[in-house]
Amino acid sequence: MTRFFDILFSFIGLLFLSPLLMALFIIGLFDTGSPIFQQERVGRKKKPFRLVKFRSMHVNSPSVATHLASASSITTFGSFLRKSKLDELPQLWNVLIGDMSLVGPRPNLFNQPELIEERERLGLYEIRPGITGLAQINQIDMSTPKILAETDAEMMKKFDSITYLTYIILTVLGRGKGDRILKQK
């Protein structure tokens, strides 16, 4: 049933948010010259997929987990995108085509062995990764791999349509701050 909601909500979101998506794309062109960011992430069954986001960092920034990124690599517009969570909107495309769900464990990078090991141990690669979930609304990020994986597993044990909708509503209402960024020294 959640796949049906994923398709419905992502299609409606892409359709109704297309003017906003286009405006952010154009502003992003002026900000970095390359407004779309794609990154290989670990998907369901540990298969790689290309996650799509609006670019919030300079083009030549290293491809690392957000909590390992330097604040100096984030552009001014990128900071706005991150705080408002608008950088995540292109992931509706990932949801529509089936790489992701709206709700599930945030997809990690292949260079995060501790998180991969924890998620594998808990069977979390049997499900689609998501844009939001229990960890995100409780401000748990990838800097604490064991806690993150355990929170994701807890979410999936109690997962149903009501929980799915609850996490989406809480995310839309602004719960969660996202991954922390290293401060400049």
N, C-alpha and C. Protein backbone atom coordinates (compact mmCIF):
# COMPACT_ATOMS: atom_id res chain seq x y z
N MET A 1 0.81 -1.20 0.00
CA MET A 1 0.00 0.00 0.00
C MET A 1 0.86 1.27 0.00
N THR A 2 2.01 1.23 0.70
CA THR A 2 2.84 2.43 0.73
C THR A 2 3.40 2.76 -0.65
N ARG A 3 3.64 1.76 -1.48
CA ARG A 3 4.15 2.04 -2.84
C ARG A 3 3.11 2.83 -3.62
N PHE A 4 1.84 2.50 -3.45
CA PHE A 4 0.77 3.25 -4.10
C PHE A 4 0.81 4.72 -3.65
N PHE A 5 0.92 4.94 -2.33
CA PHE A 5 1.01 6.30 -1.81
C PHE A 5 2.27 7.01 -2.31
N ASP A 6 3.38 6.28 -2.38
CA ASP A 6 4.63 6.86 -2.90
C ASP A 6 4.43 7.41 -4.31
N ILE A 7 3.84 6.59 -5.16
CA ILE A 7 3.61 7.00 -6.55
C ILE A 7 2.65 8.19 -6.61
N LEU A 8 1.54 8.09 -5.88
CA LEU A 8 0.52 9.14 -5.89
C LEU A 8 1.09 10.46 -5.36
N PHE A 9 1.69 10.43 -4.17
CA PHE A 9 2.18 11.66 -3.54
C PHE A 9 3.36 12.27 -4.30
N SER A 10 4.26 11.43 -4.81
CA SER A 10 5.41 11.99 -5.53
C SER A 10 4.95 12.59 -6.87
N PHE A 11 4.01 11.95 -7.54
CA PHE A 11 3.50 12.50 -8.80
C PHE A 11 2.80 13.84 -8.55
N ILE A 12 1.92 13.86 -7.55
CA ILE A 12 1.21 15.11 -7.23
C ILE A 12 2.20 16.19 -6.80
N GLY A 13 3.18 15.80 -5.99
CA GLY A 13 4.20 16.75 -5.54
C GLY A 13 4.98 17.34 -6.69
N LEU A 14 5.43 16.49 -7.60
CA LEU A 14 6.20 16.97 -8.76
C LEU A 14 5.33 17.87 -9.64
N LEU A 15 4.08 17.50 -9.81
CA LEU A 15 3.17 18.27 -10.65
C LEU A 15 2.91 19.66 -10.05
N PHE A 16 2.47 19.70 -8.80
CA PHE A 16 2.10 20.97 -8.18
C PHE A 16 3.30 21.83 -7.78
N LEU A 17 4.43 21.18 -7.51
CA LEU A 17 5.62 21.94 -7.11
C LEU A 17 6.52 22.29 -8.29
N SER A 18 6.10 21.95 -9.51
CA SER A 18 6.95 22.20 -10.69
C SER A 18 7.33 23.68 -10.85
N PRO A 19 6.44 24.66 -10.58
CA PRO A 19 6.89 26.05 -10.68
C PRO A 19 8.00 26.37 -9.65
N LEU A 20 7.87 25.86 -8.43
CA LEU A 20 8.89 26.07 -7.41
C LEU A 20 10.19 25.36 -7.79
N LEU A 21 10.07 24.13 -8.28
CA LEU A 21 11.25 23.38 -8.72
C LEU A 21 11.99 24.13 -9.82
N MET A 22 11.25 24.68 -10.76
CA MET A 22 11.86 25.43 -11.86
C MET A 22 12.54 26.70 -11.35
N ALA A 23 11.89 27.39 -10.42
CA ALA A 23 12.49 28.62 -9.86
C ALA A 23 13.78 28.28 -9.10
N LEU A 24 13.77 27.23 -8.30
CA LEU A 24 14.97 26.83 -7.56
C LEU A 24 16.08 26.38 -8.52
N PHE A 25 15.69 25.73 -9.59
CA PHE A 25 16.67 25.31 -10.61
C PHE A 25 17.36 26.54 -11.22
N ILE A 26 16.57 27.53 -11.58
CA ILE A 26 17.12 28.74 -12.21
C ILE A 26 18.02 29.50 -11.24
N ILE A 27 17.58 29.65 -9.99
CA ILE A 27 18.41 30.32 -8.99
C ILE A 27 19.71 29.52 -8.79
N GLY A 28 19.58 28.20 -8.78
CA GLY A 28 20.75 27.33 -8.63
C GLY A 28 21.75 27.49 -9.77
N LEU A 29 21.24 27.77 -10.96
CA LEU A 29 22.14 28.02 -12.10
C LEU A 29 23.03 29.22 -11.82
N PHE A 30 22.45 30.27 -11.25
CA PHE A 30 23.23 31.46 -10.92
C PHE A 30 24.14 31.22 -9.71
N ASP A 31 23.72 30.34 -8.82
CA ASP A 31 24.50 30.08 -7.59
C ASP A 31 25.74 29.25 -7.87
N THR A 32 25.59 28.12 -8.53
CA THR A 32 26.73 27.22 -8.74
C THR A 32 26.99 26.88 -10.20
N GLY A 33 26.07 27.24 -11.07
CA GLY A 33 26.21 26.89 -12.48
C GLY A 33 25.75 25.47 -12.77
N SER A 34 25.51 24.70 -11.74
CA SER A 34 25.09 23.30 -11.87
C SER A 34 24.12 22.99 -10.72
N PRO A 35 22.82 23.32 -10.91
CA PRO A 35 21.87 23.26 -9.80
C PRO A 35 21.46 21.86 -9.33
N ILE A 36 21.68 20.85 -10.14
CA ILE A 36 21.28 19.49 -9.77
C ILE A 36 22.51 18.70 -9.33
N PHE A 37 22.35 18.02 -8.23
CA PHE A 37 23.41 17.21 -7.65
C PHE A 37 22.94 15.76 -7.68
N GLN A 38 23.77 14.88 -8.22
CA GLN A 38 23.47 13.45 -8.23
C GLN A 38 24.60 12.72 -7.53
N GLN A 39 24.23 11.72 -6.75
CA GLN A 39 25.23 10.99 -5.98
C GLN A 39 24.80 9.53 -5.88
N GLU A 40 25.76 8.64 -6.04
CA GLU A 40 25.45 7.22 -5.92
C GLU A 40 25.22 6.89 -4.45
N ARG A 41 24.10 6.25 -4.17
CA ARG A 41 23.74 5.86 -2.82
C ARG A 41 23.40 4.37 -2.78
N VAL A 42 23.35 3.84 -1.57
CA VAL A 42 23.02 2.43 -1.36
C VAL A 42 21.50 2.31 -1.30
N GLY A 43 20.94 1.50 -2.19
CA GLY A 43 19.50 1.33 -2.24
C GLY A 43 19.04 -0.01 -1.70
N ARG A 44 17.83 -0.35 -2.03
CA ARG A 44 17.24 -1.62 -1.61
C ARG A 44 18.10 -2.77 -2.14
N LYS A 45 18.28 -3.78 -1.31
CA LYS A 45 19.11 -4.95 -1.64
C LYS A 45 20.56 -4.55 -1.90
N LYS A 46 20.95 -3.38 -1.36
CA LYS A 46 22.30 -2.82 -1.51
C LYS A 46 22.68 -2.50 -2.95
N LYS A 47 21.68 -2.32 -3.80
CA LYS A 47 21.93 -1.93 -5.19
C LYS A 47 22.13 -0.42 -5.26
N PRO A 48 23.10 0.01 -6.05
CA PRO A 48 23.33 1.46 -6.17
C PRO A 48 22.23 2.14 -6.98
N PHE A 49 21.97 3.38 -6.62
CA PHE A 49 21.07 4.22 -7.41
C PHE A 49 21.57 5.65 -7.33
N ARG A 50 21.10 6.50 -8.25
CA ARG A 50 21.53 7.90 -8.31
C ARG A 50 20.50 8.77 -7.59
N LEU A 51 20.86 9.25 -6.42
CA LEU A 51 20.01 10.16 -5.65
C LEU A 51 20.12 11.55 -6.28
N VAL A 52 18.99 12.23 -6.43
CA VAL A 52 18.94 13.55 -7.06
C VAL A 52 18.52 14.59 -6.02
N LYS A 53 19.28 15.67 -5.94
CA LYS A 53 18.97 16.77 -5.03
C LYS A 53 19.32 18.08 -5.71
N PHE A 54 18.86 19.18 -5.12
CA PHE A 54 19.38 20.47 -5.56
C PHE A 54 20.74 20.64 -4.91
N ARG A 55 21.68 21.16 -5.67
CA ARG A 55 23.04 21.35 -5.18
C ARG A 55 23.06 22.45 -4.11
N SER A 56 23.69 22.13 -2.99
CA SER A 56 23.81 23.12 -1.92
C SER A 56 25.27 23.44 -1.62
N MET A 57 26.18 22.67 -2.22
CA MET A 57 27.61 22.90 -2.00
C MET A 57 28.27 23.30 -3.32
N HIS A 58 29.45 23.88 -3.21
CA HIS A 58 30.21 24.23 -4.40
C HIS A 58 30.44 22.96 -5.24
N VAL A 59 30.56 23.14 -6.53
CA VAL A 59 30.65 22.02 -7.47
C VAL A 59 31.80 21.06 -7.16
N ASN A 60 32.92 21.54 -6.74
CA ASN A 60 34.09 20.68 -6.51
C ASN A 60 34.20 20.16 -5.07
N SER A 61 33.14 20.26 -4.29
CA SER A 61 33.17 19.77 -2.90
C SER A 61 33.32 18.25 -2.89
N PRO A 62 34.02 17.70 -1.90
CA PRO A 62 34.19 16.24 -1.81
C PRO A 62 32.85 15.54 -1.57
N SER A 63 32.73 14.35 -2.09
CA SER A 63 31.51 13.56 -1.94
C SER A 63 31.60 12.74 -0.65
N VAL A 64 31.16 13.37 0.44
CA VAL A 64 31.18 12.72 1.75
C VAL A 64 29.82 12.88 2.40
N ALA A 65 29.60 12.10 3.46
CA ALA A 65 28.36 12.25 4.22
C ALA A 65 28.27 13.67 4.76
N THR A 66 27.08 14.20 4.86
CA THR A 66 26.86 15.59 5.25
C THR A 66 27.57 15.94 6.55
N HIS A 67 27.53 15.04 7.53
CA HIS A 67 28.15 15.37 8.83
C HIS A 67 29.67 15.47 8.74
N LEU A 68 30.25 15.04 7.62
CA LEU A 68 31.69 15.16 7.41
C LEU A 68 32.06 16.34 6.51
N ALA A 69 31.04 16.99 5.96
CA ALA A 69 31.27 18.12 5.06
C ALA A 69 31.61 19.38 5.85
N SER A 70 32.38 20.23 5.26
CA SER A 70 32.75 21.50 5.88
C SER A 70 31.70 22.55 5.57
N ALA A 71 31.40 23.37 6.55
CA ALA A 71 30.43 24.45 6.36
C ALA A 71 30.88 25.41 5.26
N SER A 72 32.19 25.52 5.06
CA SER A 72 32.69 26.45 4.03
C SER A 72 32.37 25.98 2.61
N SER A 73 31.99 24.71 2.45
CA SER A 73 31.66 24.21 1.12
C SER A 73 30.21 24.50 0.73
N ILE A 74 29.41 24.98 1.67
CA ILE A 74 28.00 25.26 1.40
C ILE A 74 27.85 26.70 0.93
N THR A 75 27.11 26.86 -0.16
CA THR A 75 26.87 28.20 -0.69
C THR A 75 25.79 28.89 0.14
N THR A 76 25.65 30.19 -0.03
CA THR A 76 24.62 30.94 0.70
C THR A 76 23.23 30.43 0.32
N PHE A 77 22.99 30.27 -0.97
CA PHE A 77 21.70 29.73 -1.42
C PHE A 77 21.55 28.29 -0.95
N GLY A 78 22.64 27.53 -0.96
CA GLY A 78 22.62 26.15 -0.49
C GLY A 78 22.23 26.06 0.97
N SER A 79 22.68 27.01 1.78
CA SER A 79 22.31 27.05 3.19
C SER A 79 20.81 27.23 3.34
N PHE A 80 20.25 28.12 2.54
CA PHE A 80 18.79 28.32 2.54
C PHE A 80 18.08 27.03 2.13
N LEU A 81 18.57 26.38 1.06
CA LEU A 81 17.94 25.14 0.59
C LEU A 81 17.95 24.09 1.69
N ARG A 82 19.06 23.94 2.38
CA ARG A 82 19.18 22.93 3.44
C ARG A 82 18.26 23.24 4.62
N LYS A 83 18.27 24.48 5.07
CA LYS A 83 17.43 24.86 6.22
C LYS A 83 15.95 24.67 5.93
N SER A 84 15.56 24.96 4.70
CA SER A 84 14.15 24.85 4.30
C SER A 84 13.79 23.45 3.82
N LYS A 85 14.80 22.59 3.66
CA LYS A 85 14.64 21.23 3.15
C LYS A 85 14.23 21.20 1.68
N LEU A 86 14.31 22.33 0.99
CA LEU A 86 13.94 22.37 -0.42
C LEU A 86 14.95 21.63 -1.29
N ASP A 87 16.17 21.42 -0.79
CA ASP A 87 17.16 20.67 -1.56
C ASP A 87 16.73 19.22 -1.78
N GLU A 88 15.80 18.74 -0.95
CA GLU A 88 15.34 17.36 -1.03
C GLU A 88 14.24 17.14 -2.08
N LEU A 89 13.60 18.20 -2.54
CA LEU A 89 12.45 18.05 -3.45
C LEU A 89 12.71 17.19 -4.69
N PRO A 90 13.87 17.30 -5.36
CA PRO A 90 14.07 16.46 -6.53
C PRO A 90 14.03 14.95 -6.23
N GLN A 91 14.17 14.58 -4.96
CA GLN A 91 14.09 13.16 -4.61
C GLN A 91 12.69 12.59 -4.83
N LEU A 92 11.70 13.47 -5.04
CA LEU A 92 10.38 12.97 -5.40
C LEU A 92 10.46 12.16 -6.70
N TRP A 93 11.41 12.52 -7.56
CA TRP A 93 11.64 11.75 -8.79
C TRP A 93 12.14 10.35 -8.43
N ASN A 94 13.10 10.27 -7.48
CA ASN A 94 13.60 8.96 -7.03
C ASN A 94 12.46 8.10 -6.47
N VAL A 95 11.53 8.75 -5.78
CA VAL A 95 10.38 8.02 -5.22
C VAL A 95 9.47 7.54 -6.35
N LEU A 96 9.18 8.43 -7.29
CA LEU A 96 8.28 8.08 -8.39
C LEU A 96 8.79 6.89 -9.19
N ILE A 97 10.09 6.83 -9.47
CA ILE A 97 10.63 5.74 -10.29
C ILE A 97 10.96 4.48 -9.48
N GLY A 98 10.79 4.55 -8.15
CA GLY A 98 10.93 3.35 -7.34
C GLY A 98 12.27 3.12 -6.67
N ASP A 99 13.20 4.06 -6.79
CA ASP A 99 14.48 3.93 -6.10
C ASP A 99 14.32 4.15 -4.60
N MET A 100 13.35 4.99 -4.24
CA MET A 100 13.14 5.37 -2.85
C MET A 100 11.66 5.34 -2.51
N SER A 101 11.39 5.48 -1.22
CA SER A 101 10.04 5.68 -0.70
C SER A 101 10.02 7.06 -0.05
N LEU A 102 8.86 7.58 0.21
CA LEU A 102 8.81 8.84 0.95
C LEU A 102 9.29 8.61 2.37
N VAL A 103 9.00 7.43 2.95
CA VAL A 103 9.39 7.12 4.32
C VAL A 103 10.24 5.86 4.33
N GLY A 104 11.38 5.94 4.99
CA GLY A 104 12.29 4.81 5.12
C GLY A 104 13.63 5.30 5.61
N PRO A 105 14.58 4.42 5.81
CA PRO A 105 15.92 4.85 6.23
C PRO A 105 16.56 5.73 5.17
N ARG A 106 17.18 6.85 5.57
CA ARG A 106 17.87 7.72 4.60
C ARG A 106 18.95 6.92 3.90
N PRO A 107 19.04 7.02 2.57
CA PRO A 107 20.05 6.24 1.85
C PRO A 107 21.47 6.74 2.14
N ASN A 108 22.32 5.81 2.49
CA ASN A 108 23.70 6.17 2.81
C ASN A 108 24.61 6.01 1.60
N LEU A 109 25.83 6.53 1.76
CA LEU A 109 26.86 6.39 0.74
C LEU A 109 27.54 5.03 0.89
N PHE A 110 28.22 4.59 -0.15
CA PHE A 110 28.96 3.33 -0.09
C PHE A 110 30.23 3.46 0.75
N ASN A 111 30.66 4.69 1.05
CA ASN A 111 31.88 4.88 1.84
C ASN A 111 31.57 5.09 3.34
N GLN A 112 30.47 4.50 3.80
CA GLN A 112 30.09 4.55 5.21
C GLN A 112 30.00 3.12 5.76
N PRO A 113 31.14 2.44 5.91
CA PRO A 113 31.14 1.02 6.27
C PRO A 113 30.48 0.70 7.61
N GLU A 114 30.62 1.56 8.59
CA GLU A 114 30.03 1.28 9.90
C GLU A 114 28.50 1.28 9.81
N LEU A 115 27.94 2.25 9.10
CA LEU A 115 26.49 2.32 8.93
C LEU A 115 26.00 1.15 8.08
N ILE A 116 26.72 0.83 7.02
CA ILE A 116 26.35 -0.30 6.16
C ILE A 116 26.31 -1.59 6.98
N GLU A 117 27.31 -1.81 7.80
CA GLU A 117 27.37 -3.02 8.63
C GLU A 117 26.18 -3.09 9.59
N GLU A 118 25.87 -1.98 10.25
CA GLU A 118 24.76 -1.94 11.20
C GLU A 118 23.42 -2.17 10.49
N ARG A 119 23.23 -1.50 9.35
CA ARG A 119 21.97 -1.66 8.62
C ARG A 119 21.83 -3.07 8.05
N GLU A 120 22.92 -3.63 7.60
CA GLU A 120 22.89 -4.99 7.07
C GLU A 120 22.51 -5.98 8.18
N ARG A 121 23.11 -5.80 9.35
CA ARG A 121 22.85 -6.66 10.51
C ARG A 121 21.36 -6.62 10.89
N LEU A 122 20.74 -5.47 10.72
CA LEU A 122 19.33 -5.29 11.11
C LEU A 122 18.36 -5.53 9.95
N GLY A 123 18.86 -5.92 8.78
CA GLY A 123 18.00 -6.23 7.64
C GLY A 123 17.36 -5.02 6.98
N LEU A 124 17.95 -3.86 7.13
CA LEU A 124 17.34 -2.64 6.61
C LEU A 124 17.52 -2.45 5.10
N TYR A 125 18.35 -3.26 4.47
CA TYR A 125 18.50 -3.14 3.02
C TYR A 125 17.45 -3.95 2.27
N GLU A 126 16.53 -4.55 3.00
CA GLU A 126 15.42 -5.27 2.37
C GLU A 126 14.29 -4.33 1.98
N ILE A 127 14.38 -3.08 2.42
CA ILE A 127 13.33 -2.10 2.14
C ILE A 127 13.92 -0.92 1.37
N ARG A 128 13.03 -0.16 0.73
CA ARG A 128 13.48 1.02 0.01
C ARG A 128 13.94 2.09 0.98
N PRO A 129 15.01 2.79 0.67
CA PRO A 129 15.39 3.93 1.50
C PRO A 129 14.36 5.04 1.32
N GLY A 130 14.34 5.98 2.25
CA GLY A 130 13.32 7.02 2.20
C GLY A 130 13.86 8.43 2.32
N ILE A 131 12.99 9.38 2.06
CA ILE A 131 13.33 10.79 2.20
C ILE A 131 13.29 11.18 3.68
N THR A 132 12.33 10.63 4.41
CA THR A 132 12.19 10.95 5.83
C THR A 132 11.83 9.71 6.62
N GLY A 133 11.89 9.85 7.93
CA GLY A 133 11.54 8.74 8.80
C GLY A 133 11.71 9.13 10.26
N LEU A 134 11.64 8.15 11.13
CA LEU A 134 11.73 8.37 12.57
C LEU A 134 13.03 9.06 12.96
N ALA A 135 14.14 8.65 12.38
CA ALA A 135 15.43 9.27 12.72
C ALA A 135 15.43 10.75 12.34
N GLN A 136 14.92 11.08 11.18
CA GLN A 136 14.96 12.47 10.71
C GLN A 136 14.09 13.38 11.59
N ILE A 137 12.91 12.91 11.97
CA ILE A 137 12.06 13.78 12.78
C ILE A 137 12.55 13.88 14.23
N ASN A 138 13.48 12.99 14.59
CA ASN A 138 14.09 13.05 15.93
C ASN A 138 15.53 13.56 15.88
N GLN A 139 15.91 14.13 14.75
CA GLN A 139 17.22 14.77 14.56
C GLN A 139 18.40 13.83 14.79
N ILE A 140 18.24 12.58 14.38
CA ILE A 140 19.33 11.60 14.44
C ILE A 140 19.92 11.52 13.05
N ASP A 141 21.20 11.79 12.91
CA ASP A 141 21.80 11.79 11.58
C ASP A 141 22.85 10.70 11.43
N MET A 142 23.55 10.71 10.33
CA MET A 142 24.50 9.65 10.00
C MET A 142 25.81 9.74 10.79
N SER A 143 25.92 10.73 11.66
CA SER A 143 27.13 10.84 12.49
C SER A 143 27.12 9.82 13.63
N THR A 144 25.97 9.21 13.87
CA THR A 144 25.84 8.18 14.91
C THR A 144 25.27 6.91 14.26
N PRO A 145 26.11 6.15 13.53
CA PRO A 145 25.63 5.03 12.72
C PRO A 145 24.82 3.97 13.49
N LYS A 146 25.28 3.58 14.66
CA LYS A 146 24.59 2.54 15.42
C LYS A 146 23.20 3.01 15.87
N ILE A 147 23.14 4.23 16.42
CA ILE A 147 21.86 4.78 16.87
C ILE A 147 20.92 4.97 15.68
N LEU A 148 21.46 5.47 14.57
CA LEU A 148 20.66 5.67 13.36
C LEU A 148 20.06 4.35 12.88
N ALA A 149 20.88 3.32 12.75
CA ALA A 149 20.41 2.02 12.27
C ALA A 149 19.37 1.43 13.22
N GLU A 150 19.60 1.55 14.52
CA GLU A 150 18.63 1.02 15.49
C GLU A 150 17.31 1.79 15.43
N THR A 151 17.38 3.10 15.23
CA THR A 151 16.16 3.91 15.10
C THR A 151 15.41 3.53 13.83
N ASP A 152 16.14 3.33 12.73
CA ASP A 152 15.51 2.91 11.48
C ASP A 152 14.82 1.55 11.66
N ALA A 153 15.49 0.63 12.35
CA ALA A 153 14.91 -0.71 12.59
C ALA A 153 13.66 -0.60 13.45
N GLU A 154 13.70 0.26 14.47
CA GLU A 154 12.53 0.47 15.34
C GLU A 154 11.36 1.00 14.51
N MET A 155 11.64 1.94 13.60
CA MET A 155 10.60 2.50 12.74
C MET A 155 9.97 1.41 11.89
N MET A 156 10.79 0.54 11.32
CA MET A 156 10.27 -0.46 10.40
C MET A 156 9.50 -1.57 11.12
N LYS A 157 9.79 -1.83 12.38
CA LYS A 157 9.04 -2.83 13.15
C LYS A 157 7.59 -2.41 13.35
N LYS A 158 7.37 -1.11 13.50
CA LYS A 158 6.04 -0.57 13.79
C LYS A 158 5.41 0.09 12.56
N PHE A 159 5.91 -0.24 11.39
CA PHE A 159 5.53 0.48 10.18
C PHE A 159 4.17 0.04 9.65
N ASP A 160 3.31 1.03 9.41
CA ASP A 160 2.02 0.80 8.76
C ASP A 160 1.62 2.10 8.04
N SER A 161 0.46 2.11 7.43
CA SER A 161 0.04 3.29 6.66
C SER A 161 -0.11 4.54 7.53
N ILE A 162 -0.58 4.38 8.76
CA ILE A 162 -0.74 5.52 9.67
C ILE A 162 0.63 6.10 10.03
N THR A 163 1.58 5.22 10.35
CA THR A 163 2.94 5.66 10.68
C THR A 163 3.55 6.39 9.49
N TYR A 164 3.38 5.83 8.31
CA TYR A 164 3.88 6.41 7.07
C TYR A 164 3.37 7.84 6.91
N LEU A 165 2.06 8.02 7.03
CA LEU A 165 1.46 9.35 6.88
C LEU A 165 1.89 10.29 8.00
N THR A 166 2.04 9.77 9.21
CA THR A 166 2.47 10.58 10.35
C THR A 166 3.86 11.17 10.11
N TYR A 167 4.80 10.35 9.63
CA TYR A 167 6.16 10.84 9.37
C TYR A 167 6.17 11.89 8.26
N ILE A 168 5.34 11.70 7.26
CA ILE A 168 5.26 12.69 6.18
C ILE A 168 4.72 14.01 6.71
N ILE A 169 3.65 13.94 7.48
CA ILE A 169 3.04 15.17 8.04
C ILE A 169 4.02 15.88 8.97
N LEU A 170 4.68 15.13 9.85
CA LEU A 170 5.64 15.75 10.76
C LEU A 170 6.80 16.39 10.00
N THR A 171 7.23 15.77 8.92
CA THR A 171 8.31 16.34 8.11
C THR A 171 7.86 17.63 7.43
N VAL A 172 6.67 17.61 6.85
CA VAL A 172 6.13 18.80 6.18
C VAL A 172 5.95 19.95 7.18
N LEU A 173 5.61 19.60 8.43
CA LEU A 173 5.42 20.62 9.46
C LEU A 173 6.74 21.12 10.06
N GLY A 174 7.86 20.58 9.57
CA GLY A 174 9.16 21.11 9.96
C GLY A 174 9.90 20.39 11.08
N ARG A 175 9.46 19.19 11.45
CA ARG A 175 10.21 18.45 12.49
C ARG A 175 11.55 18.01 11.93
N GLY A 176 12.56 18.03 12.74
CA GLY A 176 13.88 17.59 12.31
C GLY A 176 14.70 18.72 11.74
N LYS A 177 15.98 18.66 11.96
CA LYS A 177 16.90 19.70 11.50
C LYS A 177 17.83 19.22 10.40
N GLY A 178 17.85 17.93 10.12
CA GLY A 178 18.75 17.42 9.10
C GLY A 178 20.12 17.13 9.65
N ASP A 179 21.01 16.69 8.80
CA ASP A 179 22.37 16.33 9.21
C ASP A 179 23.14 17.56 9.62
N ARG A 180 23.96 17.40 10.65
CA ARG A 180 24.78 18.53 11.10
C ARG A 180 25.96 18.72 10.13
N ILE A 181 26.50 19.90 10.13
CA ILE A 181 27.62 20.28 9.27
C ILE A 181 28.77 20.72 10.17
N LEU A 182 29.99 20.36 9.79
CA LEU A 182 31.17 20.80 10.54
C LEU A 182 31.31 22.31 10.45
N LYS A 183 31.52 22.95 11.56
CA LYS A 183 31.71 24.41 11.58
C LYS A 183 33.12 24.74 11.11
N GLN A 184 33.26 25.91 10.51
CA GLN A 184 34.59 26.37 10.07
C GLN A 184 35.46 26.64 11.28
N LYS A 185 36.74 26.37 11.14
CA LYS A 185 37.68 26.61 12.24
C LYS A 185 38.37 27.93 12.05
